[in-house]
Amino acid sequence: MSQEPLNIALPDSLKDYLFERVSQGVCNSPSEYIVQLIRADQKHKVLEDLETLALEGIESGDAGEMTDEEWTALNRSITQPQLPRSEP
């Protein structure tokens, strides 16, 4: 995975909090902490999207009977969710 430097400006209060969390051992560096936050946000987005799809399905009316192939695909999507991939 290619990593490119990124400069960000933070208010002193956020910068202090960031360095406090690193010193508490939450992660090894400020960069690692930011990466963890972004990954957590990606997971949160996936869950939001899933909730939206579930609500759309509920509101779409009566469902027909599912085939074995549809159950298999559903189980696969639950056990192996596709998170957004980072760019190379």
N, C-alpha and C. Protein backbone atom coordinates (compact mmCIF):
# COMPACT_ATOMS: atom_id res chain seq x y z
N MET A 1 0.85 -1.18 0.00
CA MET A 1 0.00 0.00 0.00
C MET A 1 0.89 1.24 0.00
N SER A 2 0.69 2.09 -0.96
CA SER A 2 1.45 3.32 -1.06
C SER A 2 0.95 4.33 -0.04
N GLN A 3 1.88 5.02 0.59
CA GLN A 3 1.50 6.04 1.55
C GLN A 3 2.08 7.37 1.11
N GLU A 4 1.21 8.36 1.07
CA GLU A 4 1.62 9.70 0.68
C GLU A 4 1.41 10.62 1.86
N PRO A 5 2.38 11.46 2.19
CA PRO A 5 2.20 12.39 3.31
C PRO A 5 1.01 13.30 3.10
N LEU A 6 0.35 13.62 4.21
CA LEU A 6 -0.81 14.51 4.17
C LEU A 6 -0.68 15.48 5.34
N ASN A 7 -0.68 16.74 5.03
CA ASN A 7 -0.60 17.75 6.09
C ASN A 7 -2.00 18.20 6.46
N ILE A 8 -2.29 18.22 7.76
CA ILE A 8 -3.58 18.71 8.22
C ILE A 8 -3.35 19.72 9.33
N ALA A 9 -4.26 20.65 9.45
CA ALA A 9 -4.20 21.66 10.51
C ALA A 9 -5.26 21.32 11.54
N LEU A 10 -4.85 21.28 12.80
CA LEU A 10 -5.77 20.98 13.89
C LEU A 10 -5.73 22.10 14.91
N PRO A 11 -6.88 22.41 15.49
CA PRO A 11 -6.87 23.35 16.62
C PRO A 11 -6.02 22.73 17.75
N ASP A 12 -5.45 23.57 18.59
CA ASP A 12 -4.59 23.08 19.67
C ASP A 12 -5.29 22.04 20.54
N SER A 13 -6.58 22.22 20.81
CA SER A 13 -7.29 21.28 21.68
C SER A 13 -7.35 19.89 21.06
N LEU A 14 -7.56 19.81 19.75
CA LEU A 14 -7.59 18.51 19.08
C LEU A 14 -6.20 17.90 18.97
N LYS A 15 -5.22 18.74 18.71
CA LYS A 15 -3.84 18.26 18.63
C LYS A 15 -3.40 17.71 19.98
N ASP A 16 -3.74 18.42 21.06
CA ASP A 16 -3.40 17.94 22.41
C ASP A 16 -4.08 16.61 22.69
N TYR A 17 -5.34 16.50 22.30
CA TYR A 17 -6.07 15.24 22.51
C TYR A 17 -5.42 14.10 21.72
N LEU A 18 -5.06 14.37 20.49
CA LEU A 18 -4.42 13.36 19.64
C LEU A 18 -3.14 12.85 20.30
N PHE A 19 -2.28 13.75 20.74
CA PHE A 19 -1.02 13.33 21.35
C PHE A 19 -1.25 12.66 22.71
N GLU A 20 -2.29 13.07 23.42
CA GLU A 20 -2.64 12.41 24.68
C GLU A 20 -3.03 10.95 24.43
N ARG A 21 -3.85 10.72 23.41
CA ARG A 21 -4.28 9.35 23.08
C ARG A 21 -3.09 8.49 22.66
N VAL A 22 -2.17 9.06 21.91
CA VAL A 22 -0.98 8.32 21.52
C VAL A 22 -0.14 7.99 22.76
N SER A 23 0.02 8.96 23.66
CA SER A 23 0.82 8.71 24.87
C SER A 23 0.15 7.69 25.79
N GLN A 24 -1.16 7.53 25.68
CA GLN A 24 -1.89 6.53 26.47
C GLN A 24 -1.77 5.14 25.86
N GLY A 25 -1.14 5.05 24.71
CA GLY A 25 -0.93 3.76 24.08
C GLY A 25 -2.09 3.27 23.22
N VAL A 26 -3.02 4.15 22.88
CA VAL A 26 -4.13 3.76 22.02
C VAL A 26 -3.60 3.32 20.66
N CYS A 27 -2.53 3.94 20.22
CA CYS A 27 -1.84 3.57 18.99
C CYS A 27 -0.41 4.05 19.09
N ASN A 28 0.39 3.75 18.09
CA ASN A 28 1.82 4.04 18.16
C ASN A 28 2.23 5.42 17.65
N SER A 29 1.36 6.06 16.89
CA SER A 29 1.72 7.35 16.32
C SER A 29 0.45 8.13 15.98
N PRO A 30 0.59 9.44 15.82
CA PRO A 30 -0.56 10.23 15.38
C PRO A 30 -1.13 9.74 14.05
N SER A 31 -0.26 9.36 13.12
CA SER A 31 -0.73 8.86 11.82
C SER A 31 -1.58 7.61 11.99
N GLU A 32 -1.10 6.68 12.84
CA GLU A 32 -1.85 5.45 13.07
C GLU A 32 -3.22 5.74 13.69
N TYR A 33 -3.26 6.72 14.60
CA TYR A 33 -4.53 7.09 15.22
C TYR A 33 -5.52 7.62 14.17
N ILE A 34 -5.03 8.49 13.29
CA ILE A 34 -5.88 9.03 12.22
C ILE A 34 -6.37 7.91 11.31
N VAL A 35 -5.49 6.98 10.96
CA VAL A 35 -5.88 5.84 10.11
C VAL A 35 -6.99 5.04 10.81
N GLN A 36 -6.85 4.79 12.12
CA GLN A 36 -7.88 4.06 12.86
C GLN A 36 -9.21 4.80 12.83
N LEU A 37 -9.18 6.11 12.97
CA LEU A 37 -10.41 6.89 12.92
C LEU A 37 -11.08 6.79 11.55
N ILE A 38 -10.30 6.86 10.51
CA ILE A 38 -10.86 6.77 9.16
C ILE A 38 -11.46 5.39 8.92
N ARG A 39 -10.75 4.35 9.35
CA ARG A 39 -11.28 2.99 9.17
C ARG A 39 -12.58 2.80 9.96
N ALA A 40 -12.64 3.35 11.17
CA ALA A 40 -13.87 3.26 11.96
C ALA A 40 -15.00 3.98 11.25
N ASP A 41 -14.69 5.12 10.63
CA ASP A 41 -15.71 5.86 9.89
C ASP A 41 -16.17 5.07 8.67
N GLN A 42 -15.25 4.39 7.99
CA GLN A 42 -15.63 3.55 6.85
C GLN A 42 -16.60 2.46 7.29
N LYS A 43 -16.30 1.80 8.41
CA LYS A 43 -17.18 0.75 8.92
C LYS A 43 -18.54 1.32 9.29
N HIS A 44 -18.53 2.50 9.89
CA HIS A 44 -19.79 3.16 10.26
C HIS A 44 -20.63 3.45 9.01
N LYS A 45 -19.96 3.89 7.96
CA LYS A 45 -20.66 4.18 6.69
C LYS A 45 -21.27 2.92 6.10
N VAL A 46 -20.55 1.80 6.16
CA VAL A 46 -21.08 0.52 5.67
C VAL A 46 -22.34 0.15 6.45
N LEU A 47 -22.30 0.33 7.77
CA LEU A 47 -23.47 0.01 8.59
C LEU A 47 -24.65 0.94 8.29
N GLU A 48 -24.36 2.23 8.07
CA GLU A 48 -25.42 3.16 7.68
C GLU A 48 -26.06 2.73 6.36
N ASP A 49 -25.21 2.37 5.39
CA ASP A 49 -25.72 1.93 4.09
C ASP A 49 -26.57 0.67 4.23
N LEU A 50 -26.11 -0.25 5.07
CA LEU A 50 -26.86 -1.48 5.31
C LEU A 50 -28.22 -1.18 5.94
N GLU A 51 -28.23 -0.26 6.88
CA GLU A 51 -29.50 0.12 7.52
C GLU A 51 -30.45 0.74 6.49
N THR A 52 -29.91 1.59 5.63
CA THR A 52 -30.73 2.20 4.58
C THR A 52 -31.33 1.14 3.67
N LEU A 53 -30.49 0.18 3.26
CA LEU A 53 -30.98 -0.89 2.39
C LEU A 53 -32.03 -1.74 3.10
N ALA A 54 -31.81 -2.01 4.38
CA ALA A 54 -32.78 -2.81 5.13
C ALA A 54 -34.12 -2.09 5.21
N LEU A 55 -34.08 -0.79 5.49
CA LEU A 55 -35.33 -0.02 5.57
C LEU A 55 -36.02 0.04 4.21
N GLU A 56 -35.23 0.19 3.15
CA GLU A 56 -35.82 0.19 1.81
C GLU A 56 -36.49 -1.15 1.54
N GLY A 57 -35.84 -2.22 1.95
CA GLY A 57 -36.43 -3.55 1.75
C GLY A 57 -37.71 -3.72 2.53
N ILE A 58 -37.73 -3.27 3.77
CA ILE A 58 -38.93 -3.38 4.60
C ILE A 58 -40.08 -2.59 4.00
N GLU A 59 -39.75 -1.40 3.49
CA GLU A 59 -40.79 -0.52 2.94
C GLU A 59 -41.21 -0.91 1.52
N SER A 60 -40.52 -1.86 0.91
CA SER A 60 -40.81 -2.19 -0.49
C SER A 60 -42.02 -3.13 -0.65
N GLY A 61 -42.55 -3.61 0.46
CA GLY A 61 -43.72 -4.48 0.36
C GLY A 61 -43.38 -5.92 0.65
N ASP A 62 -44.33 -6.79 0.34
CA ASP A 62 -44.16 -8.21 0.61
C ASP A 62 -43.05 -8.79 -0.28
N ALA A 63 -42.28 -9.66 0.33
CA ALA A 63 -41.19 -10.30 -0.40
C ALA A 63 -41.61 -11.69 -0.85
N GLY A 64 -41.02 -12.13 -1.92
CA GLY A 64 -41.27 -13.49 -2.38
C GLY A 64 -40.35 -14.45 -1.65
N GLU A 65 -40.47 -15.70 -1.95
CA GLU A 65 -39.64 -16.71 -1.33
C GLU A 65 -38.23 -16.65 -1.92
N MET A 66 -37.21 -16.77 -1.05
CA MET A 66 -35.82 -16.71 -1.51
C MET A 66 -35.35 -18.08 -1.97
N THR A 67 -34.50 -18.06 -3.00
CA THR A 67 -33.91 -19.30 -3.51
C THR A 67 -32.69 -19.66 -2.67
N ASP A 68 -32.20 -20.89 -2.82
CA ASP A 68 -30.99 -21.30 -2.13
C ASP A 68 -29.81 -20.42 -2.52
N GLU A 69 -29.73 -20.04 -3.79
CA GLU A 69 -28.64 -19.19 -4.26
C GLU A 69 -28.70 -17.82 -3.60
N GLU A 70 -29.90 -17.28 -3.43
CA GLU A 70 -30.04 -15.98 -2.78
C GLU A 70 -29.63 -16.06 -1.31
N TRP A 71 -29.98 -17.14 -0.62
CA TRP A 71 -29.58 -17.32 0.79
C TRP A 71 -28.07 -17.44 0.89
N THR A 72 -27.45 -18.16 -0.04
CA THR A 72 -26.01 -18.32 -0.04
C THR A 72 -25.33 -16.96 -0.24
N ALA A 73 -25.81 -16.19 -1.19
CA ALA A 73 -25.23 -14.87 -1.44
C ALA A 73 -25.42 -13.95 -0.23
N LEU A 74 -26.57 -14.02 0.40
CA LEU A 74 -26.83 -13.20 1.58
C LEU A 74 -25.89 -13.59 2.71
N ASN A 75 -25.76 -14.88 2.97
CA ASN A 75 -24.85 -15.34 4.02
C ASN A 75 -23.41 -14.92 3.73
N ARG A 76 -23.00 -15.02 2.48
CA ARG A 76 -21.64 -14.62 2.10
C ARG A 76 -21.45 -13.12 2.35
N SER A 77 -22.43 -12.31 2.02
CA SER A 77 -22.29 -10.86 2.20
C SER A 77 -22.24 -10.48 3.67
N ILE A 78 -22.84 -11.29 4.52
CA ILE A 78 -22.82 -11.01 5.96
C ILE A 78 -21.50 -11.45 6.57
N THR A 79 -21.02 -12.60 6.18
CA THR A 79 -19.79 -13.13 6.77
C THR A 79 -18.53 -12.55 6.14
N GLN A 80 -18.64 -12.00 4.93
CA GLN A 80 -17.50 -11.42 4.25
C GLN A 80 -17.88 -10.07 3.66
N PRO A 81 -18.16 -9.07 4.55
CA PRO A 81 -18.58 -7.77 4.04
C PRO A 81 -17.50 -7.12 3.20
N GLN A 82 -17.90 -6.41 2.19
CA GLN A 82 -16.97 -5.73 1.30
C GLN A 82 -16.83 -4.28 1.77
N LEU A 83 -15.73 -4.01 2.50
CA LEU A 83 -15.44 -2.65 2.93
C LEU A 83 -14.78 -1.89 1.79
N PRO A 84 -14.89 -0.57 1.80
CA PRO A 84 -14.21 0.19 0.76
C PRO A 84 -12.72 -0.12 0.78
N ARG A 85 -12.16 -0.32 -0.40
CA ARG A 85 -10.74 -0.63 -0.51
C ARG A 85 -9.93 0.65 -0.57
N SER A 86 -8.77 0.63 0.05
CA SER A 86 -7.89 1.80 -0.06
C SER A 86 -7.22 1.73 -1.42
N GLU A 87 -6.94 2.89 -1.96
CA GLU A 87 -6.32 2.95 -3.28
C GLU A 87 -4.86 2.57 -3.18
N PRO A 88 -4.35 1.84 -4.16
CA PRO A 88 -2.93 1.47 -4.16
C PRO A 88 -2.01 2.65 -4.33
